[in-house]
Amino acid sequence: MILPSLGTARESDPWAPFDIPWFDRLGVSDGLPHSITTTVEQDKRGLIWIGTLSGLVRYDGYRMQVFTGNSGSKTDIPDAYVRCLLTLPDGSLLVGTNAGGLTRFNPLNNAFRTYPVGKGGTSDRKIYALSPDGNRGVWIATERGVDYLDLRSNRITSVPLGEGMSARSFSLMQDREGNLWIGNNNGLFVRRNGESKFTHPDHPADGSGIDVVLNDGIWALLEDRQGRLWAGSTQSGAVYRDEAGHWHAIPGFSGYQADRSRRPTVRSFVQLAGDTLWMGTDGGGVLSYDVASGKLHAITHDTAMPSSLPGDSVRGLLQDSTGNVWVATDLGVARYDPNARKAFALLPSTSDNRSLANTNVRGIFVDSHQRIWLGMSSGRIDVIDLAAGSIRHLQLGGVQTRRDVQAFAEMPDGSLWVGTQGVARIDPNSFAIAGSAIPELEDKPVLHLLPDGQRLLIATYDGVYRYDTKTHALSHFSHDANDPSSLASDTVRRIAHIGADLWYVTGRGISIATSTTQNKGFENLLNRPGDSTSLPNNLASSIAMDPQGTLWIGTYGGLAMLQPRSVGEPYRFATLGTANGLPSENINAVQPDDEGNPWVSLSNGLSMIDANTHAVHNLGVRDGLRISSYIYAAAARAPGGELLFGGLGGLTVVRPEWQPPEQNDASLAITFAAVNGTPLPYGQLPRAGESMKINSRNRSLRVDFALLDYEAPNETSYSYRMEGFDEGWIEIPRGGLPTAIYTNLPHGDYKLRLRAQTHGMQPRQIESTVDVSAEPRWYETVAAMVVAGLLLLAAIFGVIQLRTMYLRRQAKQLQHQIELRTRDLVVANKRLDELANTDVLTGACNRRRLLELVEEMRAQSSDGQACIALLDLDRFKRINDTYGHLAGDAVIRHVSQIMQQQCRESDCVGRYGGEELVAGLPHNTLEQGMVVAERIRSAVAEQPLVYDGQPIAVTVSVGVAAYHAGETLSQWLSRADGALYEAKHGGRNKVVAAQ
């Protein structure tokens, strides 16, 4: 678990026990050559290097370049097992391997130079650690000694060890005073600046565990920003030495455990913001230690949380230049952004007292004891006690066992009433549950509860019930189709006291009552077509009043803001929607913060509206938002001012006042470039403001680029423009790799402009410019053009003198005849091409042309980045038999037109055969392909064909298959056909994804 000492939350933050780090993972499926990662380093350009048991990886946030050690060439490492990495001042990289010794990567030629072993080289082929000396040199710890590499002469010399030292050293470090510390197999040793011998540092032997640690094998060393020295051991924990030279034990992690059992090996340290230190251990995950408070907490793998640490064996830690913390584990690399704290997600985990019962949070309520009640699915209720830092799980029984819990109310006697399938009652002290507290409502799903003195207003799908908790009297009122002043709808989602009135938020508008006992005679607020001041949509979901008295209503047509009005004046609203920047107009819940800014949950995220300017700010991954799907009306304000939103993925907690620390923008860098098909060495890649030349051979250029903050690659938008060639910016499709490709570029001078747009509460636009010079071919030089011009003038003069006016007139006539014949031939060929490629019935591609286009799409797509949707009309024979074959042909045309309307210009649509149609969807993942197919299916179902004045209902079944690398077109179509078969046999009118 994680607490304030991790640098993710303050001690005063009551949510700290629940704010668990969210790790994004990189594994074998992302391109790592081995799941066991050993070390992580960032080079001078900002790229990440990852060592594994099967190779070295260079990573820019999108692409991986792998050096496997298998080729035996100078462009590969001598051993695939990488133990340690060190970036050098000149941009090169030292790589310490397990059995291949020490090698150095030169970015100027992308080659490795391996140092010798033995005389003039390293003491052994197994390199445990590398550490700079701060003066153009590197200390090297090996299996059989310690060495020093002079970077100026590139020579390696052996370092004499002291008495009592083993030949094997695991770690080393030169501190800022020039002292050399060695983590040896026999303990910690130091050679003071100016001295020639290594000695054990003075330390107490008082039973605190310090002596045990310092005489154990020392695997990790770190000098932190305050000048403290940290030492991590093989099996007895860790200790640290303060600036004054006094050693300190880490409570609970120094010395052997009480039962004499050994502790996990400490492999790495990293210091986070504040006074927090992370220790990577071999088997115990990451241990976070807060020096000021003395608190120690473990961050470990949680089998119930995909966002947890991927593995508990941690071999390396790194905090990069933008603040990300990288963790090298036995199950890949994990990345954590400690600055993404505007929001965090509370999820189910294996820690029952600090996690949710399940991911479906459907109702939220804060009681008078400042406890937070969460209504879950399956009759579960979670009670968050921020003071105790724990969560209590409750389970309803009887008919309420499997029902959603959506509403809470606290009555004057302190009892909690719960709306689910009927109503339950909970004792606030003992948490004893009385199920079916109102027997008459056992079959009624309850959507909301509102106390009214001793009475309880109960919102359901069948109108509103009033229940007197003292007399147990129950009354009911609902919508009357014959009375326009009755309740607007039987589906009542929320009830709210607004001033002296009572507002009923329904599925068909809002009903306003002037009394809590009013059963009819409501003033109903509805959407009036053409009136922009009316309620934007009749389907209302939530209602809230901010501290300044402004009323906000969430609807499925946008967020409505009530305009100031006097008594007797009509209600007028201003509406905020997608035109104002909201990602969706389906508002699930609205909750103002303490400043009056309304926050809204949507079907696809969370947004904040500035109460003064009405500017929309959408939360993103960079803010800590990890849940995108939310449930209507599930929102509340926590006791400390945090905002809570429930969704299908768990609970999102928003800290409205929190702002990330100021930091410079990450570099938007070129991470790979190929000129005329030849890759440039990494060290020759141009940086912002630099230039690159393209020789005259074929003038092709490929540039891969990336924003090197690594924080939200899927939320970063990219574009590029070659000024002097491109008319405008070229947008990289969402999910596509940021790459600019040019072929046969005309000679001249250009500016290649790259752009990255981040999203979230603090969006930024980062640009980078590189000068590009394309050299001319020999015949495009000035001299060649002058000579060609002179020759041309001479030829023209000769023609003028030799040819007569008659011949020229004849030539014109002949040319005119040729043009006429050519135009006729072009028209005929165009018509033949249309006939050859077009299905006569639908106007779409015929089978032959369709298969050609899909095969082209397959050949150009990578794994999972293209889809085909195979569509078949349901019960088409019945349509032919009922309405005739001409009607059947009209139905096929109708469905084909809908498909073409729902697809992009880049998609291909064609008739596969009979009543089967196919849509090819390039640059679509399976999830995106399913969205397009569902849109087609829904459009067909909602748009019956009117044939001879008679509507013909049509439905379709669709099978969607994403491309699997290596499969043939036939195999791809076969998987889509299998999915179509499942859709047919699953009830038709369905979309099914192929496996």
Foldseek 3Di string as FASTA:
>chain_A
DFAVLVVQDHPPDLCRLQFFFFWDFDFVVLPDPAQFWFEWDAFPQQWIWTAGQQFIWTDQLRDIDTAGCPPPDQLHAVHNHWHEKDYDPVRKIWTQGAAQAIWIQDLQANGIDHADDDVFGHPHNGWQDWEDQVPQKIWTFGQFAIWIARNVVRTIDGQDAAPPFHRGWRDWYQAPQRKIWTQTQQFIWIAHVPGRYIDQQDADPPPLQPVVFRRHRWNEWDQDPQRKIKTWHAWAFIWIAHPVGYIGDQVPGHGADPVRGTHFTFQYWDAAPDQWIWTQGAQQAIWIARPVVSDIDGFADWPQDPRGDPHNGWRYWDQGPLGWIWTRRSRGIIIGHSLLNQKAFAADTPPQFNGDPHAFFAAWDQAPLLWIWTWGFQQKIWIQDSVVNTIDIDADDDLQRGWTWHEWDAAPVRWIWTFTQAIKIADPPPRDIRPNPQVVRNRWRWQYWDDDHQWIWTQTQQAIWIARNVVRDIDGAADDPVAPFFAQHSHFRDWDDQPQWIWTQGQFFIWIGNDPPDGGRTDTFGDDPPDQFGDQHRGWFEWDAAPVGWIWTQGQRAIWIWDDDDPPDDTTTHGDAVVLPDPHSRWQYWDAFNVRWIWTAHQFAIWTADPPPRRIATADQSNHDDDTGFHHHHWDARPVRWIWTGGSRGIMTGDVVDDGDDDDFAAWAFQWKAAPNRTRRRVPGDGFPEEDEHEAPWGKMKTFIDRSPSRCRQQKWKWKDWPVPDPDIGTDPRPHGRMDIDTNDAFDKTKIKIWIWGGRRDIDIDMGIYIYGYDHDPCPDPVNVVVVVVVVVVVVVVCVVPDDPVVVVVVVVVVVVVVVVVVVVVVVVVVVVQVVQADPLQRFGEQVNVLVLLQVLLVPDDFQQKKKKKKAWPPLVVVCVPPNVVVSSVLLNVLQVLLVVLADPPKGKYANDDRIIMIIGGRDGLVRVLVSVLSSQVVLQVDFDQDPNRTDGIGMEMFMEGDGPPDHPVVRVVQRVVQSVCCNVVPGSYYGYGD
